[in-house]
Amino acid sequence: MFSRILGVGLPLMLMTACTPYIQRTGESLQSPTLETMRFIAADGESLPMRIWLPEGEPHSIVIGVHGFNDYSRAFAKVGAYLAQQGIAVYAYDQRGFGATQQRGRWPGVELLVKDLRGFIQAVGTHHRNRPLYLLGESMGGAVAMAALAGDDAPLVDRLILVAPAVWGGQSLNSWYRSLLWVSAHTLPWLKVTGSSLKIKASDNREMLKRMRADPLIIKETRIDALYGMVQLMDKARKIIPQVHMPTLVLYGGQDQVIPERPICHLLEELPGPHSVAFYPTGYHMLLRDREAERVWQDLVEWLQVPVWALSSRIPARCLPLLAQTG
């Protein structure tokens, strides 16, 4: 697809240059609030929300942040499981995804982060004096990291990153990086499917089949959205040293979306106590793979470990990769 774009002619592209579309950040009109099946952001935007509640009062809360082209339904299975363990799970459709008004249009890093911080605030207000955990899957992991960096970051007790998108533009060779920039600034409306890449996201065929039939899953992605996604990954990669809370990183040995090297660098640079769970037969969609229940169990067990008992470590399998880059 990229070679086809180049066929248009670079000079012509530069002559007809335009700007990648980014959703505008609305003015803050109110405190973020939770309504029935909706999260009302600070600018009044209504974002669909899903909740999985245990019987009785939850002893802790998990906020799920979905991945690229996905939406809040991504947490249906793990949400139901955690609810059985007494943990409430909240998730919303991030702008540009799911059933939001501007589905398919990139919202920009600033707006993604602003919405998540507002959602954390609203859920925390609704469940005062309960431990609050943030769980980000793929792109959601990058958004979670960006939201928790800086002096004005919201307070959460722990962070869970499932195959986090920390593979930024610096990992692309200069030719592809330049081509993506040119494409996003000349043909931002052009859509690609990625089907030619033959990426296997999970070994759960039935789940993947349901996703292909789900109208809320984005199957054709605008070039400027891909460009924005790379910018988000760049930001997540740079702010790793600012993520100080206890963190669990989950990664599959068969992941064909996020390479292992960026995950190893993440583990090397995280400043706070962190743990890692590698699943040799796991794919990118660990929470929905065929052996997902094992991942759910490990997640619950880690949340039960006292903070003082958590320690940082780099898996032995990461050491050769880190040594190659110094």
Protein backbone atom coordinates (compact mmCIF):
# COMPACT_ATOMS: atom_id res chain seq x y z
CA MET A 1 0.00 0.00 0.00
CA PHE A 2 2.81 2.42 0.84
CA SER A 3 4.50 1.74 -2.50
CA ARG A 4 1.21 2.54 -4.24
CA ILE A 5 1.11 5.86 -2.42
CA LEU A 6 4.60 6.68 -3.62
CA GLY A 7 3.46 5.95 -7.17
CA VAL A 8 1.33 9.09 -7.05
CA GLY A 9 4.57 11.05 -7.11
CA LEU A 10 6.29 12.75 -4.24
CA PRO A 11 6.38 16.21 -5.92
CA LEU A 12 2.64 16.10 -6.53
CA MET A 13 2.06 15.07 -2.94
CA LEU A 14 4.02 18.01 -1.60
CA MET A 15 2.14 20.40 -3.89
CA THR A 16 -1.21 19.17 -2.60
CA ALA A 17 -0.21 18.87 1.04
CA CYS A 18 -2.91 18.99 3.68
CA THR A 19 -3.08 18.48 7.42
CA PRO A 20 -3.83 15.21 9.23
CA TYR A 21 -7.25 15.38 10.86
CA ILE A 22 -7.32 15.55 14.65
CA GLN A 23 -10.49 15.91 16.68
CA ARG A 24 -10.70 19.23 18.43
CA THR A 25 -10.40 19.38 22.19
CA GLY A 26 -13.58 20.93 23.55
CA GLU A 27 -13.58 23.45 26.37
CA SER A 28 -14.08 22.06 29.86
CA LEU A 29 -17.70 22.73 30.76
CA GLN A 30 -18.21 20.44 33.73
CA SER A 31 -16.69 17.80 35.97
CA PRO A 32 -16.53 14.42 34.22
CA THR A 33 -19.46 12.26 35.32
CA LEU A 34 -20.79 8.73 35.01
CA GLU A 35 -24.32 8.13 33.78
CA THR A 36 -26.14 4.93 32.91
CA MET A 37 -23.94 3.27 30.29
CA ARG A 38 -22.30 6.60 29.43
CA PHE A 39 -19.27 8.61 30.47
CA ILE A 40 -19.78 12.35 30.08
CA ALA A 41 -16.38 13.97 29.50
CA ALA A 42 -15.39 17.43 30.69
CA ASP A 43 -16.44 19.04 27.39
CA GLY A 44 -19.85 17.34 27.47
CA GLU A 45 -19.00 14.60 24.97
CA SER A 46 -20.95 11.39 25.62
CA LEU A 47 -18.83 8.23 25.41
CA PRO A 48 -20.37 4.73 25.63
CA MET A 49 -19.41 2.85 28.79
CA ARG A 50 -19.58 -0.74 29.99
CA ILE A 51 -19.48 -1.90 33.61
CA TRP A 52 -19.03 -5.34 35.17
CA LEU A 53 -20.01 -5.36 38.86
CA PRO A 54 -19.68 -8.09 41.49
CA GLU A 55 -22.49 -9.09 43.79
CA GLY A 56 -22.30 -6.77 46.75
CA GLU A 57 -19.75 -4.01 47.27
CA PRO A 58 -16.53 -4.36 45.20
CA HIS A 59 -13.29 -4.48 47.16
CA SER A 60 -11.33 -2.85 44.30
CA ILE A 61 -11.83 -1.21 40.91
CA VAL A 62 -10.22 -1.81 37.50
CA ILE A 63 -10.44 0.72 34.66
CA GLY A 64 -9.92 -0.88 31.25
CA VAL A 65 -8.50 1.11 28.33
CA HIS A 66 -8.96 -0.64 24.98
CA GLY A 67 -6.63 -0.90 22.01
CA PHE A 68 -6.46 0.62 18.52
CA ASN A 69 -9.60 0.15 16.38
CA ASP A 70 -11.23 -1.74 19.28
CA TYR A 71 -13.74 -0.56 21.91
CA SER A 72 -14.91 -1.20 25.46
CA ARG A 73 -16.39 -4.62 24.66
CA ALA A 74 -12.79 -5.85 24.56
CA PHE A 75 -13.05 -6.37 28.33
CA ALA A 76 -16.27 -8.41 28.33
CA LYS A 77 -14.70 -11.75 29.29
CA VAL A 78 -12.05 -10.52 31.70
CA GLY A 79 -14.55 -8.05 33.15
CA ALA A 80 -16.98 -10.84 33.98
CA TYR A 81 -14.18 -12.91 35.50
CA LEU A 82 -12.88 -10.09 37.68
CA ALA A 83 -16.41 -9.29 38.83
CA GLN A 84 -16.62 -12.86 40.13
CA GLN A 85 -13.49 -12.11 42.19
CA GLY A 86 -15.13 -9.05 43.79
CA ILE A 87 -13.51 -6.53 41.43
CA ALA A 88 -15.60 -3.96 39.55
CA VAL A 89 -14.51 -3.21 35.98
CA TYR A 90 -15.22 0.02 34.09
CA ALA A 91 -14.39 0.70 30.44
CA TYR A 92 -15.46 3.28 27.87
CA ASP A 93 -15.16 3.74 24.11
CA GLN A 94 -12.30 6.17 23.51
CA ARG A 95 -13.02 8.97 21.07
CA GLY A 96 -12.68 7.89 17.48
CA PHE A 97 -13.53 4.28 18.31
CA GLY A 98 -16.51 2.05 19.04
CA ALA A 99 -19.84 3.87 19.06
CA THR A 100 -18.45 7.39 19.48
CA GLN A 101 -19.63 10.21 17.24
CA GLN A 102 -16.44 10.64 15.20
CA ARG A 103 -15.60 6.98 14.81
CA GLY A 104 -12.54 6.47 12.62
CA ARG A 105 -11.15 9.99 13.16
CA TRP A 106 -7.99 10.25 15.25
CA PRO A 107 -8.68 12.15 18.52
CA GLY A 108 -5.10 13.16 19.23
CA VAL A 109 -2.93 12.23 22.20
CA GLU A 110 -4.00 15.25 24.26
CA LEU A 111 -7.70 14.41 24.04
CA LEU A 112 -7.19 10.70 24.71
CA VAL A 113 -5.23 11.54 27.85
CA LYS A 114 -7.70 14.21 28.99
CA ASP A 115 -10.61 11.79 28.66
CA LEU A 116 -8.86 9.02 30.56
CA ARG A 117 -7.87 11.33 33.39
CA GLY A 118 -11.47 12.51 33.60
CA PHE A 119 -12.72 8.92 33.62
CA ILE A 120 -10.33 8.00 36.44
CA GLN A 121 -11.59 10.99 38.39
CA ALA A 122 -15.25 10.08 37.83
CA VAL A 123 -14.82 6.40 38.73
CA GLY A 124 -12.72 7.29 41.76
CA THR A 125 -15.41 9.66 42.98
CA HIS A 126 -18.03 6.96 42.55
CA HIS A 127 -15.96 4.41 44.51
CA ARG A 128 -14.22 6.33 47.25
CA ASN A 129 -11.73 4.53 49.50
CA ARG A 130 -11.35 1.61 47.09
CA PRO A 131 -8.06 0.61 45.45
CA LEU A 132 -8.05 1.79 41.84
CA TYR A 133 -6.16 -0.12 39.15
CA LEU A 134 -5.61 0.97 35.55
CA LEU A 135 -5.43 -1.71 32.85
CA GLY A 136 -4.33 -0.70 29.35
CA GLU A 137 -4.26 -3.07 26.39
CA SER A 138 -1.97 -2.28 23.43
CA MET A 139 -2.83 1.34 22.45
CA GLY A 140 -4.70 1.59 25.73
CA GLY A 141 -1.43 0.87 27.52
CA ALA A 142 0.22 3.82 25.79
CA VAL A 143 -2.71 6.10 26.69
CA ALA A 144 -2.59 4.88 30.30
CA MET A 145 1.13 5.61 30.55
CA ALA A 146 0.69 9.09 29.10
CA ALA A 147 -2.18 9.80 31.50
CA LEU A 148 -0.11 8.77 34.53
CA ALA A 149 2.98 10.80 33.63
CA GLY A 150 3.61 14.29 34.95
CA ASP A 151 2.89 16.24 38.11
CA ASP A 152 -0.85 16.49 37.42
CA ALA A 153 -1.32 12.74 36.95
CA PRO A 154 -4.36 11.19 38.65
CA LEU A 155 -3.81 8.84 41.56
CA VAL A 156 -4.09 5.12 40.87
CA ASP A 157 -2.76 2.29 42.98
CA ARG A 158 -1.34 0.06 40.26
CA LEU A 159 -0.90 -0.13 36.49
CA ILE A 160 -1.37 -3.20 34.28
CA LEU A 161 0.03 -3.07 30.74
CA VAL A 162 -1.04 -5.81 28.32
CA ALA A 163 1.26 -5.85 25.27
CA PRO A 164 1.59 -2.06 25.55
CA ALA A 165 2.14 -0.03 22.38
CA VAL A 166 5.59 1.36 23.15
CA TRP A 167 6.96 0.64 19.67
CA GLY A 168 7.20 4.17 18.29
CA GLY A 169 8.36 5.82 15.09
CA GLN A 170 11.98 5.67 16.22
CA SER A 171 11.75 1.90 15.66
CA LEU A 172 10.79 2.38 12.00
CA ASN A 173 13.53 2.83 9.45
CA SER A 174 13.88 6.35 8.07
CA TRP A 175 12.27 5.46 4.72
CA TYR A 176 9.04 4.17 6.27
CA ARG A 177 8.96 7.00 8.78
CA SER A 178 9.28 9.61 6.04
CA LEU A 179 6.72 7.83 3.89
CA LEU A 180 4.19 7.76 6.71
CA TRP A 181 4.68 11.49 7.34
CA VAL A 182 4.23 12.33 3.65
CA SER A 183 1.17 10.08 3.36
CA ALA A 184 -0.50 11.55 6.44
CA HIS A 185 0.07 15.10 5.16
CA THR A 186 -1.04 14.50 1.58
CA LEU A 187 -3.59 11.68 1.59
CA PRO A 188 -4.84 11.67 5.20
CA TRP A 189 -8.22 10.31 4.11
CA LEU A 190 -6.74 7.21 2.45
CA LYS A 191 -7.74 4.01 4.25
CA VAL A 192 -5.73 0.82 4.63
CA THR A 193 -6.70 -2.56 6.03
CA GLY A 194 -3.39 -4.22 6.86
CA SER A 195 -4.80 -7.54 5.64
CA SER A 196 -1.75 -8.10 3.42
CA LEU A 197 0.47 -8.18 6.52
CA LYS A 198 -1.04 -11.53 7.57
CA ILE A 199 -0.70 -10.71 11.27
CA LYS A 200 -2.16 -13.25 13.68
CA ALA A 201 -3.44 -11.31 16.69
CA SER A 202 -4.76 -14.30 18.66
CA ASP A 203 -5.15 -18.07 18.56
CA ASN A 204 -8.83 -17.67 19.48
CA ARG A 205 -10.40 -18.07 16.04
CA GLU A 206 -13.99 -17.80 17.23
CA MET A 207 -13.26 -14.51 18.96
CA LEU A 208 -11.51 -13.13 15.87
CA LYS A 209 -14.44 -14.21 13.73
CA ARG A 210 -16.84 -12.31 15.99
CA MET A 211 -14.61 -9.24 15.80
CA ARG A 212 -14.61 -9.34 11.99
CA ALA A 213 -18.42 -9.39 12.07
CA ASP A 214 -18.69 -6.64 14.69
CA PRO A 215 -19.66 -3.32 13.02
CA LEU A 216 -18.04 -1.33 15.83
CA ILE A 217 -14.58 -2.76 15.12
CA ILE A 218 -12.74 -0.51 12.65
CA LYS A 219 -11.47 -2.58 9.73
CA GLU A 220 -10.23 0.21 7.45
CA THR A 221 -7.93 2.77 9.05
CA ARG A 222 -7.20 6.28 7.85
CA ILE A 223 -3.54 7.05 7.18
CA ASP A 224 -3.63 10.05 9.51
CA ALA A 225 -4.94 7.80 12.30
CA LEU A 226 -1.95 5.49 11.79
CA TYR A 227 0.32 8.52 11.91
CA GLY A 228 -1.34 9.64 15.15
CA MET A 229 -0.95 6.17 16.61
CA VAL A 230 2.80 6.26 15.96
CA GLN A 231 3.00 9.66 17.65
CA LEU A 232 1.22 8.19 20.69
CA MET A 233 3.68 5.30 20.82
CA ASP A 234 6.56 7.76 20.57
CA LYS A 235 5.19 9.67 23.55
CA ALA A 236 4.67 6.50 25.59
CA ARG A 237 8.23 5.41 24.85
CA LYS A 238 9.66 8.75 26.00
CA ILE A 239 7.71 9.05 29.26
CA ILE A 240 8.50 5.57 30.63
CA PRO A 241 10.84 7.06 33.31
CA GLN A 242 7.88 9.10 34.62
CA VAL A 243 5.70 6.06 35.35
CA HIS A 244 6.44 5.41 39.03
CA MET A 245 3.52 3.32 40.30
CA PRO A 246 3.73 -0.48 40.73
CA THR A 247 3.32 -1.98 37.26
CA LEU A 248 2.59 -5.40 35.80
CA VAL A 249 3.57 -6.02 32.17
CA LEU A 250 1.93 -8.93 30.35
CA TYR A 251 3.38 -10.10 27.03
CA GLY A 252 3.00 -13.10 24.73
CA GLY A 253 5.88 -14.88 23.06
CA GLN A 254 3.87 -15.13 19.83
CA ASP A 255 2.97 -11.42 19.70
CA GLN A 256 3.14 -10.33 16.03
CA VAL A 257 2.05 -6.72 16.68
CA ILE A 258 4.47 -5.37 19.32
CA PRO A 259 8.04 -6.73 19.06
CA GLU A 260 9.77 -8.05 22.15
CA ARG A 261 12.62 -5.53 22.11
CA PRO A 262 10.46 -2.46 22.99
CA ILE A 263 8.87 -4.46 25.83
CA CYS A 264 12.33 -5.28 27.19
CA HIS A 265 13.33 -1.63 27.03
CA LEU A 266 10.14 -0.75 28.89
CA LEU A 267 11.05 -3.15 31.68
CA GLU A 268 14.59 -1.78 31.81
CA GLU A 269 13.45 1.85 32.12
CA LEU A 270 10.42 1.63 34.44
CA PRO A 271 11.51 3.41 37.64
CA GLY A 272 8.98 1.89 40.03
CA PRO A 273 8.55 -1.71 41.21
CA HIS A 274 7.35 -3.82 38.32
CA SER A 275 6.68 -7.42 37.45
CA VAL A 276 6.43 -9.19 34.11
CA ALA A 277 4.53 -12.24 32.95
CA PHE A 278 5.70 -13.80 29.69
CA TYR A 279 3.43 -16.35 28.02
CA PRO A 280 5.44 -18.35 25.44
CA THR A 281 2.32 -19.43 23.53
CA GLY A 282 0.43 -16.16 24.00
CA TYR A 283 -0.44 -13.71 21.23
CA HIS A 284 -1.08 -9.97 21.19
CA MET A 285 -4.63 -10.30 22.51
CA LEU A 286 -3.63 -12.10 25.69
CA LEU A 287 -6.85 -11.25 27.52
CA ARG A 288 -8.87 -12.98 24.78
CA ASP A 289 -6.56 -15.82 23.70
CA ARG A 290 -7.66 -19.42 24.12
CA GLU A 291 -5.68 -19.62 27.37
CA ALA A 292 -6.84 -16.20 28.57
CA GLU A 293 -8.14 -17.51 31.89
CA ARG A 294 -4.59 -18.28 32.97
CA VAL A 295 -3.71 -14.62 32.30
CA TRP A 296 -6.75 -13.45 34.29
CA GLN A 297 -5.71 -15.63 37.24
CA ASP A 298 -2.16 -14.22 37.18
CA LEU A 299 -3.59 -10.71 37.11
CA VAL A 300 -5.73 -11.31 40.18
CA GLU A 301 -2.84 -12.93 42.05
CA TRP A 302 -0.56 -9.96 41.32
CA LEU A 303 -3.16 -7.50 42.59
CA GLN A 304 -3.24 -9.42 45.87
CA VAL A 305 0.52 -9.15 46.47
CA PRO A 306 1.36 -6.39 49.00
CA VAL A 307 3.11 -3.39 47.48
CA TRP A 308 6.11 -3.84 49.79
CA ALA A 309 6.65 -7.32 48.37
CA LEU A 310 6.85 -6.16 44.74
CA SER A 311 10.31 -5.92 43.20
CA SER A 312 11.64 -4.85 39.81
CA ARG A 313 13.25 -7.35 37.50
CA ILE A 314 14.25 -7.86 33.89
CA PRO A 315 13.60 -11.36 32.49
CA ALA A 316 16.65 -13.31 31.37
CA ARG A 317 15.22 -13.53 27.84
CA CYS A 318 15.44 -9.72 27.60
CA LEU A 319 19.14 -9.46 28.45
CA PRO A 320 20.46 -10.46 24.97
CA LEU A 321 18.13 -7.97 23.28
CA LEU A 322 19.16 -5.14 25.59
CA ALA A 323 22.84 -5.99 25.16
CA GLN A 324 22.55 -5.70 21.36
CA THR A 325 21.59 -2.03 21.65
CA GLY A 326 23.80 -1.16 24.61
